[in-house]
PDB file of all heavy atoms in Angstrom:
ATOM      1  N   LEU A   1      76.523  97.043  99.516  1.00  0.00           N
ATOM      2  CA  LEU A   1      77.626  96.107  99.649  1.00  0.00           C
ATOM      3  C   LEU A   1      78.963  96.823  99.719  1.00  0.00           C
ATOM      4  O   LEU A   1      79.134  97.909  99.158  1.00  0.00           O
ATOM      5  CB  LEU A   1      77.639  95.133  98.461  1.00  0.00           C
ATOM      6  CG  LEU A   1      76.411  94.232  98.285  1.00  0.00           C
ATOM      7  CD1 LEU A   1      76.504  93.466  96.962  1.00  0.00           C
ATOM      8  CD2 LEU A   1      76.264  93.266  99.457  1.00  0.00           C
ATOM      9  N   ASP A   2      79.922  96.173 100.398  1.00  0.00           N
ATOM     10  CA  ASP A   2      81.302  96.672 100.447  1.00  0.00           C
ATOM     11  C   ASP A   2      82.220  95.887  99.539  1.00  0.00           C
ATOM     12  O   ASP A   2      83.361  96.289  99.315  1.00  0.00           O
ATOM     13  CB  ASP A   2      81.828  96.621 101.879  1.00  0.00           C
ATOM     14  CG  ASP A   2      81.080  97.572 102.801  1.00  0.00           C
ATOM     15  OD1 ASP A   2      81.344  98.784 102.736  1.00  0.00           O
ATOM     16  OD2 ASP A   2      80.216  97.093 103.561  1.00  0.00           O
ATOM     17  N   GLY A   3      81.745  94.757  99.018  1.00  0.00           N
ATOM     18  CA  GLY A   3      82.570  93.974  98.127  1.00  0.00           C
ATOM     19  C   GLY A   3      81.861  92.704  97.692  1.00  0.00           C
ATOM     20  O   GLY A   3      80.868  92.279  98.274  1.00  0.00           O
ATOM     21  N   ILE A   4      82.370  92.132  96.597  1.00  0.00           N
ATOM     22  CA  ILE A   4      81.896  90.859  96.068  1.00  0.00           C
ATOM     23  C   ILE A   4      83.085  89.912  96.044  1.00  0.00           C
ATOM     24  O   ILE A   4      84.184  90.290  95.634  1.00  0.00           O
ATOM     25  CB  ILE A   4      81.319  91.029  94.646  1.00  0.00           C
ATOM     26  CG1 ILE A   4      80.135  92.003  94.656  1.00  0.00           C
ATOM     27  CG2 ILE A   4      80.890  89.682  94.072  1.00  0.00           C
ATOM     28  CD1 ILE A   4      79.670  92.419  93.270  1.00  0.00           C
ATOM     29  N   LEU A   5      82.870  88.671  96.491  1.00  0.00           N
ATOM     30  CA  LEU A   5      83.924  87.669  96.513  1.00  0.00           C
ATOM     31  C   LEU A   5      83.614  86.600  95.475  1.00  0.00           C
ATOM     32  O   LEU A   5      82.616  85.878  95.598  1.00  0.00           O
ATOM     33  CB  LEU A   5      84.031  87.026  97.897  1.00  0.00           C
ATOM     34  CG  LEU A   5      84.286  87.966  99.078  1.00  0.00           C
ATOM     35  CD1 LEU A   5      84.285  87.179 100.385  1.00  0.00           C
ATOM     36  CD2 LEU A   5      85.592  88.721  98.911  1.00  0.00           C
ATOM     37  N   LEU A   6      84.451  86.500  94.442  1.00  0.00           N
ATOM     38  CA  LEU A   6      84.318  85.460  93.429  1.00  0.00           C
ATOM     39  C   LEU A   6      85.401  84.413  93.656  1.00  0.00           C
ATOM     40  O   LEU A   6      86.566  84.755  93.842  1.00  0.00           O
ATOM     41  CB  LEU A   6      84.475  86.050  92.027  1.00  0.00           C
ATOM     42  CG  LEU A   6      83.294  86.798  91.429  1.00  0.00           C
ATOM     43  CD1 LEU A   6      83.652  87.316  90.043  1.00  0.00           C
ATOM     44  CD2 LEU A   6      82.067  85.921  91.354  1.00  0.00           C
ATOM     45  N   THR A   7      85.019  83.154  93.616  1.00  0.00           N
ATOM     46  CA  THR A   7      85.990  82.100  93.870  1.00  0.00           C
ATOM     47  C   THR A   7      86.565  81.500  92.595  1.00  0.00           C
ATOM     48  O   THR A   7      87.750  81.186  92.531  1.00  0.00           O
ATOM     49  CB  THR A   7      85.380  80.978  94.715  1.00  0.00           C
ATOM     50  OG1 THR A   7      84.244  80.425  94.032  1.00  0.00           O
ATOM     51  CG2 THR A   7      84.956  81.510  96.077  1.00  0.00           C
ATOM     52  N   HIS A   8      85.736  81.316  91.554  1.00  0.00           N
ATOM     53  CA  HIS A   8      86.231  80.727  90.318  1.00  0.00           C
ATOM     54  C   HIS A   8      85.234  80.976  89.193  1.00  0.00           C
ATOM     55  O   HIS A   8      84.201  81.617  89.396  1.00  0.00           O
ATOM     56  CB  HIS A   8      86.524  79.237  90.495  1.00  0.00           C
ATOM     57  CG  HIS A   8      85.352  78.390  90.859  1.00  0.00           C
ATOM     58  ND1 HIS A   8      84.749  78.435  92.092  1.00  0.00           N
ATOM     59  CD2 HIS A   8      84.678  77.442  90.151  1.00  0.00           C
ATOM     60  CE1 HIS A   8      83.756  77.567  92.140  1.00  0.00           C
ATOM     61  NE2 HIS A   8      83.692  76.956  90.960  1.00  0.00           N
ATOM     62  N   ALA A   9      85.568  80.438  88.001  1.00  0.00           N
ATOM     63  CA  ALA A   9      84.859  80.837  86.784  1.00  0.00           C
ATOM     64  C   ALA A   9      83.704  79.930  86.385  1.00  0.00           C
ATOM     65  O   ALA A   9      83.037  80.206  85.381  1.00  0.00           O
ATOM     66  CB  ALA A   9      85.853  80.919  85.617  1.00  0.00           C
ATOM     67  N   HIS A  10      83.441  78.853  87.105  1.00  0.00           N
ATOM     68  CA  HIS A  10      82.333  77.976  86.730  1.00  0.00           C
ATOM     69  C   HIS A  10      81.018  78.740  86.708  1.00  0.00           C
ATOM     70  O   HIS A  10      80.796  79.652  87.525  1.00  0.00           O
ATOM     71  CB  HIS A  10      82.232  76.794  87.697  1.00  0.00           C
ATOM     72  CG  HIS A  10      83.297  75.766  87.469  1.00  0.00           C
ATOM     73  ND1 HIS A  10      83.615  74.802  88.404  1.00  0.00           N
ATOM     74  CD2 HIS A  10      84.128  75.545  86.418  1.00  0.00           C
ATOM     75  CE1 HIS A  10      84.580  74.031  87.932  1.00  0.00           C
ATOM     76  NE2 HIS A  10      84.912  74.475  86.733  1.00  0.00           N
ATOM     77  N   ALA A  11      80.135  78.353  85.811  1.00  0.00           N
ATOM     78  CA  ALA A  11      78.917  79.123  85.570  1.00  0.00           C
ATOM     79  C   ALA A  11      78.011  79.218  86.788  1.00  0.00           C
ATOM     80  O   ALA A  11      77.264  80.190  86.930  1.00  0.00           O
ATOM     81  CB  ALA A  11      78.146  78.512  84.399  1.00  0.00           C
ATOM     82  N   ASP A  12      78.051  78.224  87.678  1.00  0.00           N
ATOM     83  CA  ASP A  12      77.186  78.306  88.856  1.00  0.00           C
ATOM     84  C   ASP A  12      77.745  79.256  89.915  1.00  0.00           C
ATOM     85  O   ASP A  12      77.025  79.653  90.834  1.00  0.00           O
ATOM     86  CB  ASP A  12      76.928  76.921  89.451  1.00  0.00           C
ATOM     87  CG  ASP A  12      78.200  76.179  89.834  1.00  0.00           C
ATOM     88  OD1 ASP A  12      79.247  76.418  89.206  1.00  0.00           O
ATOM     89  OD2 ASP A  12      78.151  75.342  90.763  1.00  0.00           O
ATOM     90  N   HIS A  13      79.017  79.658  89.767  1.00  0.00           N
ATOM     91  CA  HIS A  13      79.630  80.595  90.708  1.00  0.00           C
ATOM     92  C   HIS A  13      79.884  81.966  90.080  1.00  0.00           C
ATOM     93  O   HIS A  13      79.921  82.968  90.785  1.00  0.00           O
ATOM     94  CB  HIS A  13      80.953  80.020  91.234  1.00  0.00           C
ATOM     95  CG  HIS A  13      80.771  78.861  92.153  1.00  0.00           C
ATOM     96  ND1 HIS A  13      80.991  78.938  93.513  1.00  0.00           N
ATOM     97  CD2 HIS A  13      80.373  77.590  91.912  1.00  0.00           C
ATOM     98  CE1 HIS A  13      80.727  77.764  94.069  1.00  0.00           C
ATOM     99  NE2 HIS A  13      80.359  76.921  93.113  1.00  0.00           N
ATOM    100  N   LEU A  14      80.079  82.001  88.781  1.00  0.00           N
ATOM    101  CA  LEU A  14      80.275  83.257  88.062  1.00  0.00           C
ATOM    102  C   LEU A  14      79.155  83.419  87.048  1.00  0.00           C
ATOM    103  O   LEU A  14      79.157  82.800  85.981  1.00  0.00           O
ATOM    104  CB  LEU A  14      81.629  83.282  87.354  1.00  0.00           C
ATOM    105  CG  LEU A  14      81.863  84.429  86.360  1.00  0.00           C
ATOM    106  CD1 LEU A  14      81.646  85.786  87.007  1.00  0.00           C
ATOM    107  CD2 LEU A  14      83.246  84.332  85.740  1.00  0.00           C
ATOM    108  N   SER A  15      78.178  84.242  87.388  1.00  0.00           N
ATOM    109  CA  SER A  15      77.057  84.554  86.507  1.00  0.00           C
ATOM    110  C   SER A  15      77.221  85.984  86.018  1.00  0.00           C
ATOM    111  O   SER A  15      77.114  86.940  86.793  1.00  0.00           O
ATOM    112  CB  SER A  15      75.724  84.403  87.256  1.00  0.00           C
ATOM    113  OG  SER A  15      74.689  85.083  86.572  1.00  0.00           O
ATOM    114  N   PHE A  16      77.479  86.141  84.723  1.00  0.00           N
ATOM    115  CA  PHE A  16      77.648  87.484  84.174  1.00  0.00           C
ATOM    116  C   PHE A  16      76.356  88.281  84.261  1.00  0.00           C
ATOM    117  O   PHE A  16      76.368  89.487  84.538  1.00  0.00           O
ATOM    118  CB  PHE A  16      78.133  87.397  82.720  1.00  0.00           C
ATOM    119  CG  PHE A  16      79.521  86.852  82.585  1.00  0.00           C
ATOM    120  CD1 PHE A  16      79.732  85.582  82.065  1.00  0.00           C
ATOM    121  CD2 PHE A  16      80.625  87.598  82.979  1.00  0.00           C
ATOM    122  CE1 PHE A  16      81.012  85.072  81.948  1.00  0.00           C
ATOM    123  CE2 PHE A  16      81.906  87.096  82.863  1.00  0.00           C
ATOM    124  CZ  PHE A  16      82.107  85.828  82.341  1.00  0.00           C
ATOM    125  N   SER A  17      75.226  87.638  84.035  1.00  0.00           N
ATOM    126  CA  SER A  17      73.951  88.352  84.116  1.00  0.00           C
ATOM    127  C   SER A  17      73.696  88.860  85.525  1.00  0.00           C
ATOM    128  O   SER A  17      73.118  89.936  85.718  1.00  0.00           O
ATOM    129  CB  SER A  17      72.799  87.456  83.649  1.00  0.00           C
ATOM    130  OG  SER A  17      72.711  86.296  84.453  1.00  0.00           O
ATOM    131  N   SER A  18      74.144  88.106  86.528  1.00  0.00           N
ATOM    132  CA  SER A  18      73.981  88.555  87.913  1.00  0.00           C
ATOM    133  C   SER A  18      74.937  89.700  88.229  1.00  0.00           C
ATOM    134  O   SER A  18      74.555  90.679  88.885  1.00  0.00           O
ATOM    135  CB  SER A  18      74.211  87.391  88.877  1.00  0.00           C
ATOM    136  OG  SER A  18      73.244  86.377  88.692  1.00  0.00           O
ATOM    137  N   LEU A  19      76.182  89.608  87.767  1.00  0.00           N
ATOM    138  CA  LEU A  19      77.125  90.711  87.979  1.00  0.00           C
ATOM    139  C   LEU A  19      76.616  91.999  87.353  1.00  0.00           C
ATOM    140  O   LEU A  19      76.826  93.087  87.894  1.00  0.00           O
ATOM    141  CB  LEU A  19      78.500  90.362  87.394  1.00  0.00           C
ATOM    142  CG  LEU A  19      79.331  89.306  88.128  1.00  0.00           C
ATOM    143  CD1 LEU A  19      80.688  89.163  87.447  1.00  0.00           C
ATOM    144  CD2 LEU A  19      79.512  89.662  89.597  1.00  0.00           C
ATOM    145  N   ASP A  20      75.933  91.863  86.233  1.00  0.00           N
ATOM    146  CA  ASP A  20      75.424  93.060  85.548  1.00  0.00           C
ATOM    147  C   ASP A  20      74.334  93.772  86.350  1.00  0.00           C
ATOM    148  O   ASP A  20      74.043  94.945  86.091  1.00  0.00           O
ATOM    149  CB  ASP A  20      74.885  92.676  84.166  1.00  0.00           C
ATOM    150  CG  ASP A  20      75.981  92.269  83.198  1.00  0.00           C
ATOM    151  OD1 ASP A  20      77.152  92.603  83.461  1.00  0.00           O
ATOM    152  OD2 ASP A  20      75.669  91.610  82.191  1.00  0.00           O
ATOM    153  N   LEU A  21      73.731  93.065  87.292  1.00  0.00           N
ATOM    154  CA  LEU A  21      72.684  93.663  88.122  1.00  0.00           C
ATOM    155  C   LEU A  21      73.240  94.327  89.379  1.00  0.00           C
ATOM    156  O   LEU A  21      72.517  95.044  90.072  1.00  0.00           O
ATOM    157  CB  LEU A  21      71.674  92.592  88.542  1.00  0.00           C
ATOM    158  CG  LEU A  21      70.890  91.895  87.423  1.00  0.00           C
ATOM    159  CD1 LEU A  21      70.062  90.753  88.004  1.00  0.00           C
ATOM    160  CD2 LEU A  21      69.999  92.881  86.682  1.00  0.00           C
ATOM    161  N   LEU A  22      74.509  94.085  89.662  1.00  0.00           N
ATOM    162  CA  LEU A  22      75.110  94.550  90.909  1.00  0.00           C
ATOM    163  C   LEU A  22      75.946  95.800  90.689  1.00  0.00           C
ATOM    164  O   LEU A  22      76.402  96.068  89.567  1.00  0.00           O
ATOM    165  CB  LEU A  22      75.981  93.430  91.498  1.00  0.00           C
ATOM    166  CG  LEU A  22      75.200  92.184  91.937  1.00  0.00           C
ATOM    167  CD1 LEU A  22      76.151  91.034  92.226  1.00  0.00           C
ATOM    168  CD2 LEU A  22      74.345  92.487  93.166  1.00  0.00           C
ATOM    169  N   PRO A  23      76.142  96.596  91.736  1.00  0.00           N
ATOM    170  CA  PRO A  23      76.898  97.852  91.588  1.00  0.00           C
ATOM    171  C   PRO A  23      78.343  97.614  91.164  1.00  0.00           C
ATOM    172  O   PRO A  23      78.942  96.580  91.485  1.00  0.00           O
ATOM    173  CB  PRO A  23      76.822  98.482  92.983  1.00  0.00           C
ATOM    174  CG  PRO A  23      76.494  97.354  93.910  1.00  0.00           C
ATOM    175  CD  PRO A  23      75.663  96.409  93.122  1.00  0.00           C
ATOM    176  N   ARG A  24      78.882  98.590  90.435  1.00  0.00           N
ATOM    177  CA  ARG A  24      80.263  98.489  89.949  1.00  0.00           C
ATOM    178  C   ARG A  24      81.179  99.498  90.632  1.00  0.00           C
ATOM    179  O   ARG A  24      82.305  99.709  90.178  1.00  0.00           O
ATOM    180  CB  ARG A  24      80.301  98.681  88.436  1.00  0.00           C
ATOM    181  CG  ARG A  24      79.523  97.618  87.674  1.00  0.00           C
ATOM    182  CD  ARG A  24      79.914  97.554  86.227  1.00  0.00           C
ATOM    183  NE  ARG A  24      79.150  96.550  85.515  1.00  0.00           N
ATOM    184  CZ  ARG A  24      79.495  96.039  84.330  1.00  0.00           C
ATOM    185  NH1 ARG A  24      80.613  96.446  83.740  1.00  0.00           N
ATOM    186  NH2 ARG A  24      78.746  95.132  83.744  1.00  0.00           N
ATOM    187  N   ASP A  25      80.702 100.101  91.701  1.00  0.00           N
ATOM    188  CA  ASP A  25      81.541 101.030  92.451  1.00  0.00           C
ATOM    189  C   ASP A  25      82.067 100.397  93.728  1.00  0.00           C
ATOM    190  O   ASP A  25      82.457 101.089  94.670  1.00  0.00           O
ATOM    191  CB  ASP A  25      80.770 102.312  92.773  1.00  0.00           C
ATOM    192  CG  ASP A  25      79.506 102.062  93.598  1.00  0.00           C
ATOM    193  OD1 ASP A  25      79.095 100.886  93.707  1.00  0.00           O
ATOM    194  OD2 ASP A  25      78.948 103.044  94.132  1.00  0.00           O
ATOM    195  N   ILE A  26      82.074  99.066  93.764  1.00  0.00           N
ATOM    196  CA  ILE A  26      82.630  98.315  94.891  1.00  0.00           C
ATOM    197  C   ILE A  26      83.619  97.292  94.329  1.00  0.00           C
ATOM    198  O   ILE A  26      83.507  96.898  93.165  1.00  0.00           O
ATOM    199  CB  ILE A  26      81.532  97.590  95.709  1.00  0.00           C
ATOM    200  CG1 ILE A  26      80.738  96.639  94.811  1.00  0.00           C
ATOM    201  CG2 ILE A  26      80.613  98.595  96.383  1.00  0.00           C
ATOM    202  CD1 ILE A  26      79.743  95.773  95.557  1.00  0.00           C
ATOM    203  N   PRO A  27      84.601  96.854  95.114  1.00  0.00           N
ATOM    204  CA  PRO A  27      85.568  95.895  94.584  1.00  0.00           C
ATOM    205  C   PRO A  27      84.961  94.519  94.343  1.00  0.00           C
ATOM    206  O   PRO A  27      84.137  94.030  95.116  1.00  0.00           O
ATOM    207  CB  PRO A  27      86.650  95.847  95.673  1.00  0.00           C
ATOM    208  CG  PRO A  27      85.980  96.323  96.916  1.00  0.00           C
ATOM    209  CD  PRO A  27      84.949  97.318  96.478  1.00  0.00           C
ATOM    210  N   LEU A  28      85.374  93.926  93.241  1.00  0.00           N
ATOM    211  CA  LEU A  28      84.984  92.586  92.850  1.00  0.00           C
ATOM    212  C   LEU A  28      86.249  91.722  92.933  1.00  0.00           C
ATOM    213  O   LEU A  28      87.045  91.666  92.003  1.00  0.00           O
ATOM    214  CB  LEU A  28      84.422  92.608  91.422  1.00  0.00           C
ATOM    215  CG  LEU A  28      84.090  91.308  90.706  1.00  0.00           C
ATOM    216  CD1 LEU A  28      83.027  90.518  91.449  1.00  0.00           C
ATOM    217  CD2 LEU A  28      83.635  91.594  89.286  1.00  0.00           C
ATOM    218  N   PHE A  29      86.455  91.078  94.079  1.00  0.00           N
ATOM    219  CA  PHE A  29      87.686  90.333  94.315  1.00  0.00           C
ATOM    220  C   PHE A  29      87.606  88.961  93.649  1.00  0.00           C
ATOM    221  O   PHE A  29      86.583  88.269  93.727  1.00  0.00           O
ATOM    222  CB  PHE A  29      87.933  90.170  95.812  1.00  0.00           C
ATOM    223  CG  PHE A  29      88.165  91.461  96.530  1.00  0.00           C
ATOM    224  CD1 PHE A  29      87.227  91.959  97.430  1.00  0.00           C
ATOM    225  CD2 PHE A  29      89.316  92.206  96.307  1.00  0.00           C
ATOM    226  CE1 PHE A  29      87.435  93.151  98.096  1.00  0.00           C
ATOM    227  CE2 PHE A  29      89.536  93.406  96.965  1.00  0.00           C
ATOM    228  CZ  PHE A  29      88.596  93.886  97.856  1.00  0.00           C
ATOM    229  N   ALA A  30      88.720  88.560  93.009  1.00  0.00           N
ATOM    230  CA  ALA A  30      88.761  87.297  92.288  1.00  0.00           C
ATOM    231  C   ALA A  30      90.205  86.847  92.138  1.00  0.00           C
ATOM    232  O   ALA A  30      91.133  87.660  92.245  1.00  0.00           O
ATOM    233  CB  ALA A  30      88.108  87.451  90.912  1.00  0.00           C
ATOM    234  N   PRO A  31      90.435  85.549  91.873  1.00  0.00           N
ATOM    235  CA  PRO A  31      91.793  85.114  91.550  1.00  0.00           C
ATOM    236  C   PRO A  31      92.346  85.937  90.387  1.00  0.00           C
ATOM    237  O   PRO A  31      91.581  86.360  89.516  1.00  0.00           O
ATOM    238  CB  PRO A  31      91.605  83.640  91.156  1.00  0.00           C
ATOM    239  CG  PRO A  31      90.341  83.223  91.841  1.00  0.00           C
ATOM    240  CD  PRO A  31      89.470  84.433  91.843  1.00  0.00           C
TER     241      PRO A  31
END
């Protein structure tokens, strides 16, 4: 991946357990 796009904080859109499975050397764009 080249980036992750987060739109808001609701649990169905922001899953911390899912973020923990994804690489952290790419930008995680969010408000």
